[in-house]
Amino acid sequence: MEFKNSILTGKAVNRYFDYNKALSEFSQLFNETDTNERSVAILGGTFLEMTLEHILYSFFPENEAEVDKLFDFNQALGNFSNKIQMAYCLGLIEKTVKEDLNLVRKIRNKFAHNLFVNFNDNQIESWCRGLKWHKISYTEYIPEGATNLIIFQVGVNQLISNLHGHISIARSNKRSILSNF
């Protein structure tokens, strides 16, 4: 790795500060004790999607209009599922993280499309209990009485902690456009 890949320039500087400002705001909203379940589910999934976007932008060539187009609505990276798949296929995230991101995506979508769902829903419970990354990175022990909401919050927070470091790893492996021969 060359040192120059560690120095932020251009749009990367703005993305860095925007992401860290959003991370602070996310942390305050997501970890409040008196929070609406729907807000937590949608906010957690949305912030993880945004984090994946930052990882991909850090990896892709800088200042390329073609890269920006990929993230437009109805384009290759215009949704959470495709961002997960791309990050995994490029080797930017681990398999367990990919699987957990897909579970969080499903939870977010169920909350976004069903006004009557909550964390006690059998399918939501199954997805929350299926989250694995926090068990690997934090603890396998789930305290007795831990609600599905708490398991979701711990899982999302651990994914964000992991993915936050992946942004700089992706930047150190940044791609560039090949010049004409």
C-alpha atoms as a PDB file:
ATOM      1  CA  MET A   1       0.000   0.000   0.000  1.00  0.00           C
ATOM      2  CA  GLU A   2       1.319   3.395  -0.950  1.00  0.00           C
ATOM      3  CA  PHE A   3       0.968   6.259   1.502  1.00  0.00           C
ATOM      4  CA  LYS A   4      -0.823   8.424  -1.091  1.00  0.00           C
ATOM      5  CA  ASN A   5      -3.925   6.191  -0.843  1.00  0.00           C
ATOM      6  CA  SER A   6      -4.278   7.218   2.814  1.00  0.00           C
ATOM      7  CA  ILE A   7      -4.573  10.918   2.011  1.00  0.00           C
ATOM      8  CA  LEU A   8      -8.091  12.126   1.338  1.00  0.00           C
ATOM      9  CA  THR A   9      -8.588  14.468  -1.592  1.00  0.00           C
ATOM     10  CA  GLY A  10     -11.446  15.742  -3.726  1.00  0.00           C
ATOM     11  CA  LYS A  11     -14.900  14.309  -3.117  1.00  0.00           C
ATOM     12  CA  ALA A  12     -13.457  11.781  -0.657  1.00  0.00           C
ATOM     13  CA  VAL A  13     -12.852  14.581   1.863  1.00  0.00           C
ATOM     14  CA  ASN A  14     -16.501  15.651   1.767  1.00  0.00           C
ATOM     15  CA  ARG A  15     -17.709  12.039   1.926  1.00  0.00           C
ATOM     16  CA  TYR A  16     -15.488  11.423   4.963  1.00  0.00           C
ATOM     17  CA  PHE A  17     -16.863  14.374   6.923  1.00  0.00           C
ATOM     18  CA  ASP A  18     -20.447  13.765   5.776  1.00  0.00           C
ATOM     19  CA  TYR A  19     -20.238  10.130   6.881  1.00  0.00           C
ATOM     20  CA  ASN A  20     -18.812  10.961  10.306  1.00  0.00           C
ATOM     21  CA  LYS A  21     -21.450  13.638  10.867  1.00  0.00           C
ATOM     22  CA  ALA A  22     -24.140  11.122   9.864  1.00  0.00           C
ATOM     23  CA  LEU A  23     -22.588   8.491  12.158  1.00  0.00           C
ATOM     24  CA  SER A  24     -22.886  10.840  15.124  1.00  0.00           C
ATOM     25  CA  GLU A  25     -26.502  11.675  14.286  1.00  0.00           C
ATOM     26  CA  PHE A  26     -27.308   8.000  13.692  1.00  0.00           C
ATOM     27  CA  SER A  27     -25.827   6.991  17.041  1.00  0.00           C
ATOM     28  CA  GLN A  28     -27.989   9.496  18.900  1.00  0.00           C
ATOM     29  CA  LEU A  29     -31.204   8.494  17.137  1.00  0.00           C
ATOM     30  CA  PHE A  30     -30.647   4.739  16.955  1.00  0.00           C
ATOM     31  CA  ASN A  31     -29.556   4.160  20.533  1.00  0.00           C
ATOM     32  CA  GLU A  32     -32.199   6.206  22.352  1.00  0.00           C
ATOM     33  CA  THR A  33     -33.990   4.161  24.980  1.00  0.00           C
ATOM     34  CA  ASP A  34     -37.428   5.582  24.155  1.00  0.00           C
ATOM     35  CA  THR A  35     -37.460   4.899  20.424  1.00  0.00           C
ATOM     36  CA  ASN A  36     -40.152   3.780  18.010  1.00  0.00           C
ATOM     37  CA  GLU A  37     -39.432   0.228  16.764  1.00  0.00           C
ATOM     38  CA  ARG A  38     -40.226   1.149  13.157  1.00  0.00           C
ATOM     39  CA  SER A  39     -37.771   4.052  13.304  1.00  0.00           C
ATOM     40  CA  VAL A  40     -35.029   1.802  14.690  1.00  0.00           C
ATOM     41  CA  ALA A  41     -35.557  -0.861  12.021  1.00  0.00           C
ATOM     42  CA  ILE A  42     -35.643   1.585   9.114  1.00  0.00           C
ATOM     43  CA  LEU A  43     -32.833   3.785  10.444  1.00  0.00           C
ATOM     44  CA  GLY A  44     -30.551   0.801  11.126  1.00  0.00           C
ATOM     45  CA  GLY A  45     -30.985  -0.616   7.648  1.00  0.00           C
ATOM     46  CA  THR A  46     -30.699   2.745   5.951  1.00  0.00           C
ATOM     47  CA  PHE A  47     -27.487   3.664   7.752  1.00  0.00           C
ATOM     48  CA  LEU A  48     -25.928   0.303   6.901  1.00  0.00           C
ATOM     49  CA  GLU A  49     -26.861   0.831   3.254  1.00  0.00           C
ATOM     50  CA  MET A  50     -25.241   4.274   3.367  1.00  0.00           C
ATOM     51  CA  THR A  51     -22.110   2.766   4.939  1.00  0.00           C
ATOM     52  CA  LEU A  52     -21.868   0.201   2.130  1.00  0.00           C
ATOM     53  CA  GLU A  53     -22.170   3.029  -0.372  1.00  0.00           C
ATOM     54  CA  HIS A  54     -19.220   4.772   1.310  1.00  0.00           C
ATOM     55  CA  ILE A  55     -17.172   1.571   1.137  1.00  0.00           C
ATOM     56  CA  LEU A  56     -17.920   1.173  -2.567  1.00  0.00           C
ATOM     57  CA  TYR A  57     -17.195   4.835  -3.354  1.00  0.00           C
ATOM     58  CA  SER A  58     -13.901   4.483  -1.467  1.00  0.00           C
ATOM     59  CA  PHE A  59     -12.962   1.500  -3.632  1.00  0.00           C
ATOM     60  CA  PHE A  60     -14.143   2.753  -7.022  1.00  0.00           C
ATOM     61  CA  PRO A  61     -12.204   5.292  -9.124  1.00  0.00           C
ATOM     62  CA  GLU A  62     -12.546   8.884  -7.925  1.00  0.00           C
ATOM     63  CA  ASN A  63     -14.315  11.622  -9.862  1.00  0.00           C
ATOM     64  CA  GLU A  64     -15.836   9.316 -12.443  1.00  0.00           C
ATOM     65  CA  ALA A  65     -19.310  10.117 -13.713  1.00  0.00           C
ATOM     66  CA  GLU A  66     -19.746   6.439 -14.554  1.00  0.00           C
ATOM     67  CA  VAL A  67     -19.321   5.523 -10.885  1.00  0.00           C
ATOM     68  CA  ASP A  68     -21.915   8.083  -9.775  1.00  0.00           C
ATOM     69  CA  LYS A  69     -24.407   6.691 -12.297  1.00  0.00           C
ATOM     70  CA  LEU A  70     -24.128   3.213 -10.742  1.00  0.00           C
ATOM     71  CA  PHE A  71     -25.798   4.510  -7.567  1.00  0.00           C
ATOM     72  CA  ASP A  72     -28.749   6.173  -9.296  1.00  0.00           C
ATOM     73  CA  PHE A  73     -32.227   4.756  -8.714  1.00  0.00           C
ATOM     74  CA  ASN A  74     -32.896   1.688 -10.911  1.00  0.00           C
ATOM     75  CA  GLN A  75     -29.202   1.310 -11.720  1.00  0.00           C
ATOM     76  CA  ALA A  76     -26.769  -1.445 -10.742  1.00  0.00           C
ATOM     77  CA  LEU A  77     -26.147  -0.131  -7.207  1.00  0.00           C
ATOM     78  CA  GLY A  78     -29.413   1.724  -6.700  1.00  0.00           C
ATOM     79  CA  ASN A  79     -30.659  -0.540  -3.899  1.00  0.00           C
ATOM     80  CA  PHE A  80     -29.422  -2.122  -0.680  1.00  0.00           C
ATOM     81  CA  SER A  81     -29.448  -5.692  -2.009  1.00  0.00           C
ATOM     82  CA  ASN A  82     -27.229  -4.873  -4.975  1.00  0.00           C
ATOM     83  CA  LYS A  83     -24.788  -2.905  -2.812  1.00  0.00           C
ATOM     84  CA  ILE A  84     -24.467  -5.908  -0.487  1.00  0.00           C
ATOM     85  CA  GLN A  85     -23.887  -8.259  -3.412  1.00  0.00           C
ATOM     86  CA  MET A  86     -21.317  -5.969  -5.067  1.00  0.00           C
ATOM     87  CA  ALA A  87     -19.355  -5.362  -1.848  1.00  0.00           C
ATOM     88  CA  TYR A  88     -19.239  -9.106  -1.231  1.00  0.00           C
ATOM     89  CA  CYS A  89     -18.245 -10.016  -4.802  1.00  0.00           C
ATOM     90  CA  LEU A  90     -15.442  -7.442  -4.723  1.00  0.00           C
ATOM     91  CA  GLY A  91     -14.139  -8.987  -1.495  1.00  0.00           C
ATOM     92  CA  LEU A  92     -14.879  -5.851   0.528  1.00  0.00           C
ATOM     93  CA  ILE A  93     -17.018  -7.625   3.143  1.00  0.00           C
ATOM     94  CA  GLU A  94     -17.024 -11.059   4.740  1.00  0.00           C
ATOM     95  CA  LYS A  95     -19.673 -13.722   4.097  1.00  0.00           C
ATOM     96  CA  THR A  96     -21.124 -13.472   7.616  1.00  0.00           C
ATOM     97  CA  VAL A  97     -21.409  -9.695   7.275  1.00  0.00           C
ATOM     98  CA  LYS A  98     -23.122 -10.135   3.897  1.00  0.00           C
ATOM     99  CA  GLU A  99     -25.623 -12.558   5.425  1.00  0.00           C
ATOM    100  CA  ASP A 100     -26.328 -10.225   8.348  1.00  0.00           C
ATOM    101  CA  LEU A 101     -26.762  -7.243   6.048  1.00  0.00           C
ATOM    102  CA  ASN A 102     -29.344  -9.211   4.092  1.00  0.00           C
ATOM    103  CA  LEU A 103     -31.219 -10.011   7.317  1.00  0.00           C
ATOM    104  CA  VAL A 104     -31.178  -6.339   8.339  1.00  0.00           C
ATOM    105  CA  ARG A 105     -32.376  -5.437   4.831  1.00  0.00           C
ATOM    106  CA  LYS A 106     -35.297  -7.864   5.172  1.00  0.00           C
ATOM    107  CA  ILE A 107     -36.189  -6.460   8.594  1.00  0.00           C
ATOM    108  CA  ARG A 108     -36.044  -2.884   7.301  1.00  0.00           C
ATOM    109  CA  ASN A 109     -38.200  -3.756   4.305  1.00  0.00           C
ATOM    110  CA  LYS A 110     -40.787  -5.570   6.397  1.00  0.00           C
ATOM    111  CA  PHE A 111     -41.102  -2.550   8.708  1.00  0.00           C
ATOM    112  CA  ALA A 112     -41.231  -0.178   5.734  1.00  0.00           C
ATOM    113  CA  HIS A 113     -44.004  -2.105   3.977  1.00  0.00           C
ATOM    114  CA  ASN A 114     -46.136  -3.363   6.870  1.00  0.00           C
ATOM    115  CA  LEU A 115     -47.629  -0.827   9.271  1.00  0.00           C
ATOM    116  CA  PHE A 116     -48.597  -3.478  11.817  1.00  0.00           C
ATOM    117  CA  VAL A 117     -45.310  -5.343  12.199  1.00  0.00           C
ATOM    118  CA  ASN A 118     -43.170  -5.171  15.349  1.00  0.00           C
ATOM    119  CA  PHE A 119     -40.120  -6.937  16.739  1.00  0.00           C
ATOM    120  CA  ASN A 120     -42.327  -9.645  18.278  1.00  0.00           C
ATOM    121  CA  ASP A 121     -43.347 -10.832  14.807  1.00  0.00           C
ATOM    122  CA  ASN A 122     -42.186 -14.456  14.340  1.00  0.00           C
ATOM    123  CA  GLN A 123     -40.329 -13.747  11.099  1.00  0.00           C
ATOM    124  CA  ILE A 124     -38.654 -10.614  12.517  1.00  0.00           C
ATOM    125  CA  GLU A 125     -37.661 -12.604  15.617  1.00  0.00           C
ATOM    126  CA  SER A 126     -36.159 -15.334  13.430  1.00  0.00           C
ATOM    127  CA  TRP A 127     -34.177 -12.787  11.431  1.00  0.00           C
ATOM    128  CA  CYS A 128     -32.944 -10.987  14.581  1.00  0.00           C
ATOM    129  CA  ARG A 129     -31.893 -14.251  16.194  1.00  0.00           C
ATOM    130  CA  GLY A 130     -30.178 -15.204  12.913  1.00  0.00           C
ATOM    131  CA  LEU A 131     -27.774 -12.256  13.087  1.00  0.00           C
ATOM    132  CA  LYS A 132     -24.275 -13.696  13.566  1.00  0.00           C
ATOM    133  CA  TRP A 133     -21.613 -10.978  13.250  1.00  0.00           C
ATOM    134  CA  HIS A 134     -22.113  -9.605  16.760  1.00  0.00           C
ATOM    135  CA  LYS A 135     -21.778 -13.150  18.117  1.00  0.00           C
ATOM    136  CA  ILE A 136     -18.404 -13.482  16.378  1.00  0.00           C
ATOM    137  CA  SER A 137     -17.087  -9.992  17.066  1.00  0.00           C
ATOM    138  CA  TYR A 138     -18.650  -9.218  20.425  1.00  0.00           C
ATOM    139  CA  THR A 139     -20.127 -12.122  22.364  1.00  0.00           C
ATOM    140  CA  GLU A 140     -22.042 -15.298  21.657  1.00  0.00           C
ATOM    141  CA  TYR A 141     -23.875 -14.850  24.923  1.00  0.00           C
ATOM    142  CA  ILE A 142     -27.318 -13.268  24.585  1.00  0.00           C
ATOM    143  CA  PRO A 143     -28.479 -12.133  28.018  1.00  0.00           C
ATOM    144  CA  GLU A 144     -31.684 -13.662  29.298  1.00  0.00           C
ATOM    145  CA  GLY A 145     -34.537 -11.294  28.640  1.00  0.00           C
ATOM    146  CA  ALA A 146     -32.826  -9.577  25.709  1.00  0.00           C
ATOM    147  CA  THR A 147     -35.581  -8.462  23.380  1.00  0.00           C
ATOM    148  CA  ASN A 148     -35.477  -8.827  19.612  1.00  0.00           C
ATOM    149  CA  LEU A 149     -35.182  -5.038  19.417  1.00  0.00           C
ATOM    150  CA  ILE A 150     -32.062  -5.076  21.609  1.00  0.00           C
ATOM    151  CA  ILE A 151     -30.564  -7.966  19.634  1.00  0.00           C
ATOM    152  CA  PHE A 152     -31.209  -5.994  16.434  1.00  0.00           C
ATOM    153  CA  GLN A 153     -29.614  -2.844  17.878  1.00  0.00           C
ATOM    154  CA  VAL A 154     -26.517  -4.736  19.059  1.00  0.00           C
ATOM    155  CA  GLY A 155     -26.257  -6.521  15.711  1.00  0.00           C
ATOM    156  CA  VAL A 156     -26.530  -3.291  13.716  1.00  0.00           C
ATOM    157  CA  ASN A 157     -24.066  -1.449  15.962  1.00  0.00           C
ATOM    158  CA  GLN A 158     -21.509  -4.246  15.582  1.00  0.00           C
ATOM    159  CA  LEU A 159     -21.968  -4.283  11.801  1.00  0.00           C
ATOM    160  CA  ILE A 160     -21.424  -0.531  11.676  1.00  0.00           C
ATOM    161  CA  SER A 161     -18.279  -0.823  13.804  1.00  0.00           C
ATOM    162  CA  ASN A 162     -16.937  -3.462  11.443  1.00  0.00           C
ATOM    163  CA  LEU A 163     -17.901  -1.682   8.241  1.00  0.00           C
ATOM    164  CA  HIS A 164     -16.541   1.660   9.412  1.00  0.00           C
ATOM    165  CA  GLY A 165     -13.042   0.184   9.222  1.00  0.00           C
ATOM    166  CA  HIS A 166     -13.768  -1.244   5.779  1.00  0.00           C
ATOM    167  CA  ILE A 167     -14.087   2.264   4.351  1.00  0.00           C
ATOM    168  CA  SER A 168     -10.367   2.969   4.844  1.00  0.00           C
ATOM    169  CA  ILE A 169      -9.435  -0.561   3.760  1.00  0.00           C
ATOM    170  CA  ALA A 170     -11.372  -0.019   0.525  1.00  0.00           C
ATOM    171  CA  ARG A 171      -9.680   3.371   0.064  1.00  0.00           C
ATOM    172  CA  SER A 172      -6.258   1.736   0.390  1.00  0.00           C
ATOM    173  CA  ASN A 173      -7.248  -0.572  -2.501  1.00  0.00           C
ATOM    174  CA  LYS A 174      -8.869   2.168  -4.604  1.00  0.00           C
ATOM    175  CA  ARG A 175      -9.251   1.363  -8.272  1.00  0.00           C
ATOM    176  CA  SER A 176      -8.234   3.705 -11.061  1.00  0.00           C
ATOM    177  CA  ILE A 177      -9.285   3.950 -14.669  1.00  0.00           C
ATOM    178  CA  LEU A 178      -6.795   2.418 -17.078  1.00  0.00           C
ATOM    179  CA  SER A 179      -5.421   4.856 -19.614  1.00  0.00           C
ATOM    180  CA  ASN A 180      -5.621   4.162 -23.334  1.00  0.00           C
ATOM    181  CA  PHE A 181      -2.824   2.025 -24.702  1.00  0.00           C
END
